[in-house]
């Protein structure tokens, strides 16, 4: 009688257990992929910031350019006949 009241456990997992195991493995895989993508994005962002800082430091120290000086000794401005604006004729 005691044997009849005891629950029997199957040796192999049922389909429901397989589906939940597969689903949990898939979710775990997606979480790992997301973490890897975020780490890669962080590395690219850090590299970009570092590269920008190096270029800025190089531009401000080594490539120090003084303000250019422009000197005009003479300026000649001429208007040719073809550069005149066209005349508009109004008829009343």
N, C-alpha and C. Protein backbone atom coordinates (compact mmCIF):
# COMPACT_ATOMS: atom_id res chain seq x y z
N UNK A 1 0.81 -1.19 0.00
CA UNK A 1 0.00 0.00 0.00
C UNK A 1 0.85 1.25 0.00
N UNK A 2 1.92 1.18 0.70
CA UNK A 2 2.81 2.33 0.77
C UNK A 2 3.39 2.61 -0.60
N UNK A 3 3.57 1.57 -1.39
CA UNK A 3 4.12 1.75 -2.73
C UNK A 3 3.14 2.46 -3.64
N UNK A 4 1.87 2.28 -3.46
CA UNK A 4 0.86 2.92 -4.30
C UNK A 4 0.77 4.42 -4.02
N UNK A 5 1.04 4.85 -2.81
CA UNK A 5 0.93 6.26 -2.45
C UNK A 5 2.16 7.08 -2.85
N UNK A 6 3.24 6.42 -3.13
CA UNK A 6 4.47 7.13 -3.48
C UNK A 6 4.41 7.61 -4.93
N UNK A 7 4.95 8.81 -5.15
CA UNK A 7 4.96 9.37 -6.50
C UNK A 7 6.13 8.79 -7.28
N UNK A 8 5.91 8.53 -8.55
CA UNK A 8 6.93 7.96 -9.40
C UNK A 8 7.59 9.08 -10.19
N UNK A 9 8.91 9.19 -10.13
CA UNK A 9 9.66 10.21 -10.86
C UNK A 9 10.26 9.58 -12.10
N UNK A 10 10.05 10.16 -13.27
CA UNK A 10 10.63 9.58 -14.48
C UNK A 10 12.14 9.78 -14.49
N UNK A 11 12.84 8.88 -15.13
CA UNK A 11 14.29 8.96 -15.21
C UNK A 11 14.73 10.04 -16.20
N UNK A 12 13.96 10.25 -17.25
CA UNK A 12 14.30 11.25 -18.26
C UNK A 12 13.41 12.47 -18.05
N UNK A 13 13.92 13.66 -18.33
CA UNK A 13 13.10 14.85 -18.16
C UNK A 13 11.97 14.88 -19.19
N UNK A 14 10.88 15.45 -18.79
CA UNK A 14 9.73 15.55 -19.70
C UNK A 14 9.96 16.70 -20.67
N UNK A 15 9.07 16.84 -21.66
CA UNK A 15 9.18 17.91 -22.65
C UNK A 15 9.09 19.28 -22.01
N UNK A 16 8.27 19.42 -20.99
CA UNK A 16 8.11 20.71 -20.31
C UNK A 16 9.44 21.12 -19.67
N UNK A 17 10.13 20.16 -19.07
CA UNK A 17 11.42 20.48 -18.46
C UNK A 17 12.46 20.83 -19.51
N UNK A 18 12.43 20.16 -20.65
CA UNK A 18 13.37 20.48 -21.72
C UNK A 18 13.14 21.88 -22.23
N UNK A 19 11.89 22.25 -22.42
CA UNK A 19 11.58 23.58 -22.93
C UNK A 19 12.04 24.66 -21.97
N UNK A 20 11.83 24.47 -20.69
CA UNK A 20 12.26 25.48 -19.73
C UNK A 20 13.79 25.52 -19.65
N UNK A 21 14.44 24.38 -19.76
CA UNK A 21 15.90 24.36 -19.75
C UNK A 21 16.46 25.06 -20.99
N UNK A 22 15.87 24.76 -22.14
CA UNK A 22 16.32 25.40 -23.38
C UNK A 22 16.06 26.90 -23.33
N UNK A 23 14.91 27.26 -22.79
CA UNK A 23 14.58 28.68 -22.71
C UNK A 23 15.51 29.41 -21.76
N UNK A 24 15.81 28.80 -20.62
CA UNK A 24 16.71 29.45 -19.67
C UNK A 24 18.12 29.53 -20.26
N UNK A 25 18.54 28.53 -21.03
CA UNK A 25 19.85 28.59 -21.68
C UNK A 25 19.88 29.69 -22.72
N UNK A 26 18.77 29.85 -23.45
CA UNK A 26 18.69 30.89 -24.48
C UNK A 26 18.73 32.28 -23.82
N UNK A 27 17.97 32.44 -22.75
CA UNK A 27 17.97 33.73 -22.04
C UNK A 27 19.35 34.02 -21.48
N UNK A 28 20.00 33.02 -20.92
CA UNK A 28 21.35 33.20 -20.38
C UNK A 28 22.32 33.59 -21.49
N UNK A 29 22.17 32.96 -22.66
CA UNK A 29 23.02 33.28 -23.80
C UNK A 29 22.80 34.72 -24.25
N UNK A 30 21.54 35.16 -24.28
CA UNK A 30 21.24 36.55 -24.68
C UNK A 30 21.82 37.54 -23.68
N UNK A 31 21.75 37.22 -22.41
CA UNK A 31 22.30 38.10 -21.38
C UNK A 31 23.82 38.22 -21.55
N UNK A 32 24.48 37.10 -21.82
CA UNK A 32 25.93 37.14 -22.03
C UNK A 32 26.29 37.95 -23.27
N UNK A 33 25.50 37.77 -24.35
CA UNK A 33 25.76 38.55 -25.57
C UNK A 33 25.58 40.04 -25.31
N UNK A 34 24.55 40.39 -24.53
CA UNK A 34 24.31 41.80 -24.21
C UNK A 34 25.47 42.38 -23.39
N UNK A 35 25.96 41.61 -22.43
CA UNK A 35 27.09 42.08 -21.62
C UNK A 35 28.34 42.28 -22.48
N UNK A 36 28.58 41.35 -23.42
CA UNK A 36 29.73 41.48 -24.30
C UNK A 36 29.61 42.70 -25.18
N UNK A 37 28.39 42.95 -25.71
CA UNK A 37 28.18 44.14 -26.55
C UNK A 37 28.41 45.42 -25.76
N UNK A 38 27.91 45.46 -24.52
CA UNK A 38 28.08 46.66 -23.69
C UNK A 38 29.56 46.87 -23.35
N UNK A 39 30.29 45.80 -23.09
CA UNK A 39 31.72 45.91 -22.80
C UNK A 39 32.46 46.42 -24.03
N UNK A 40 32.10 45.91 -25.22
CA UNK A 40 32.73 46.34 -26.46
C UNK A 40 32.43 47.82 -26.72
N UNK A 41 31.18 48.22 -26.49
CA UNK A 41 30.80 49.62 -26.67
C UNK A 41 31.57 50.52 -25.71
N UNK A 42 31.74 50.08 -24.48
CA UNK A 42 32.50 50.85 -23.50
C UNK A 42 33.96 50.99 -23.91
N UNK A 43 34.53 49.93 -24.44
CA UNK A 43 35.94 49.98 -24.89
C UNK A 43 36.09 50.93 -26.07
N UNK A 44 35.16 50.88 -27.01
CA UNK A 44 35.22 51.79 -28.16
C UNK A 44 35.06 53.23 -27.71
N UNK A 45 34.15 53.49 -26.78
CA UNK A 45 33.96 54.86 -26.28
C UNK A 45 35.20 55.34 -25.54
N UNK A 46 35.80 54.48 -24.71
CA UNK A 46 37.02 54.87 -23.99
C UNK A 46 38.17 55.15 -24.96
N UNK A 47 38.31 54.32 -25.99
CA UNK A 47 39.35 54.53 -27.00
C UNK A 47 39.12 55.85 -27.73
N UNK A 48 37.88 56.16 -28.05
CA UNK A 48 37.57 57.41 -28.75
C UNK A 48 37.90 58.63 -27.89
N UNK A 49 37.55 58.57 -26.63
CA UNK A 49 37.85 59.68 -25.72
C UNK A 49 39.37 59.84 -25.57
N UNK A 50 40.08 58.74 -25.41
CA UNK A 50 41.53 58.78 -25.26
C UNK A 50 42.19 59.35 -26.52
N UNK A 51 41.75 58.90 -27.68
CA UNK A 51 42.30 59.38 -28.94
C UNK A 51 42.02 60.88 -29.13
N UNK A 52 40.83 61.32 -28.76
CA UNK A 52 40.49 62.74 -28.85
C UNK A 52 41.38 63.57 -27.92
N UNK A 53 41.61 63.08 -26.72
CA UNK A 53 42.46 63.80 -25.76
C UNK A 53 43.91 63.88 -26.28
N UNK A 54 44.41 62.81 -26.86
CA UNK A 54 45.78 62.83 -27.40
C UNK A 54 45.89 63.81 -28.56
N UNK A 55 44.93 63.78 -29.46
CA UNK A 55 44.96 64.71 -30.60
C UNK A 55 44.86 66.14 -30.14
N UNK A 56 43.99 66.41 -29.17
CA UNK A 56 43.85 67.77 -28.65
C UNK A 56 45.13 68.23 -27.97
N UNK A 57 45.74 67.38 -27.17
CA UNK A 57 47.00 67.75 -26.51
C UNK A 57 48.10 68.00 -27.54
N UNK A 58 48.17 67.17 -28.56
CA UNK A 58 49.15 67.35 -29.63
C UNK A 58 48.92 68.66 -30.37
N UNK A 59 47.67 68.96 -30.65
CA UNK A 59 47.35 70.19 -31.38
C UNK A 59 47.66 71.43 -30.56
N UNK A 60 47.47 71.36 -29.26
CA UNK A 60 47.70 72.54 -28.43
C UNK A 60 49.16 72.74 -28.03
N UNK A 61 49.95 71.69 -28.04
CA UNK A 61 51.34 71.84 -27.61
C UNK A 61 52.31 71.83 -28.78
N UNK A 62 52.36 70.77 -29.51
CA UNK A 62 53.36 70.63 -30.57
C UNK A 62 53.02 71.49 -31.77
N UNK A 63 51.78 71.50 -32.17
CA UNK A 63 51.36 72.23 -33.36
C UNK A 63 50.86 73.63 -33.02
N UNK A 64 51.47 74.26 -32.06
CA UNK A 64 51.03 75.59 -31.64
C UNK A 64 51.23 76.58 -32.79
N UNK A 65 50.14 77.08 -33.31
CA UNK A 65 50.18 78.01 -34.44
C UNK A 65 49.86 79.41 -33.93
N UNK A 66 50.72 80.35 -34.26
CA UNK A 66 50.48 81.73 -33.86
C UNK A 66 49.43 82.32 -34.79
N UNK A 67 48.80 83.36 -34.32
CA UNK A 67 47.79 84.04 -35.14
C UNK A 67 48.45 84.59 -36.40
N UNK A 68 47.91 84.26 -37.54
CA UNK A 68 48.52 84.77 -38.78
C UNK A 68 48.28 86.27 -38.93
N UNK A 69 49.24 86.94 -39.52
CA UNK A 69 49.12 88.38 -39.75
C UNK A 69 48.95 88.62 -41.24
N UNK A 70 47.91 89.34 -41.59
CA UNK A 70 47.65 89.68 -42.99
C UNK A 70 47.95 91.15 -43.20
N UNK A 71 48.70 91.45 -44.20
CA UNK A 71 48.99 92.84 -44.53
C UNK A 71 48.61 93.08 -45.98
N UNK A 72 47.83 94.14 -46.17
CA UNK A 72 47.44 94.54 -47.52
C UNK A 72 48.20 95.81 -47.87
N UNK A 73 48.98 95.76 -48.89
CA UNK A 73 49.72 96.95 -49.32
C UNK A 73 48.88 97.78 -50.26
N UNK A 74 48.13 97.11 -51.10
CA UNK A 74 47.24 97.86 -51.98
C UNK A 74 46.06 96.97 -52.35
N UNK A 75 44.91 97.61 -52.51
CA UNK A 75 43.70 96.90 -52.90
C UNK A 75 43.12 97.61 -54.10
N UNK A 76 42.81 96.86 -55.10
CA UNK A 76 42.24 97.44 -56.31
C UNK A 76 40.91 96.76 -56.57
N UNK A 77 39.87 97.56 -56.63
CA UNK A 77 38.53 97.03 -56.88
C UNK A 77 38.03 97.63 -58.18
N UNK A 78 37.64 96.80 -59.07
CA UNK A 78 37.12 97.27 -60.35
C UNK A 78 35.82 96.58 -60.68
N UNK A 79 34.95 97.29 -61.38
CA UNK A 79 33.67 96.71 -61.79
C UNK A 79 33.66 96.69 -63.31
N UNK A 80 33.47 95.52 -63.84
CA UNK A 80 33.41 95.41 -65.29
C UNK A 80 31.96 95.55 -65.75
N UNK A 81 31.78 95.76 -67.01
CA UNK A 81 30.44 95.96 -67.56
C UNK A 81 29.58 94.71 -67.39
N UNK A 82 30.18 93.54 -67.44
CA UNK A 82 29.40 92.30 -67.32
C UNK A 82 28.98 92.02 -65.88
N UNK A 83 29.60 92.70 -64.91
CA UNK A 83 29.28 92.46 -63.52
C UNK A 83 28.17 93.36 -63.02
N UNK A 84 27.70 94.30 -63.83
CA UNK A 84 26.62 95.18 -63.40
C UNK A 84 25.31 94.41 -63.31
N UNK A 85 24.47 94.78 -62.35
CA UNK A 85 23.18 94.10 -62.24
C UNK A 85 22.28 94.48 -63.43
N UNK A 86 21.42 93.59 -63.89
CA UNK A 86 20.57 93.89 -65.02
C UNK A 86 19.53 94.95 -64.66
N UNK A 87 19.14 95.75 -65.66
CA UNK A 87 18.12 96.77 -65.44
C UNK A 87 16.73 96.15 -65.65
N UNK A 88 15.83 96.58 -64.83
CA UNK A 88 14.47 96.10 -64.96
C UNK A 88 13.61 97.23 -65.54
N UNK A 89 12.88 96.94 -66.57
CA UNK A 89 12.02 97.95 -67.21
C UNK A 89 10.61 97.74 -66.73
N UNK A 90 10.01 98.84 -66.27
CA UNK A 90 8.62 98.79 -65.82
C UNK A 90 7.74 99.45 -66.88
N UNK A 91 6.75 98.78 -67.29
CA UNK A 91 5.81 99.41 -68.23
C UNK A 91 4.55 99.79 -67.46
N UNK A 92 4.11 101.02 -67.66
CA UNK A 92 2.97 101.52 -66.88
C UNK A 92 1.70 101.53 -67.69
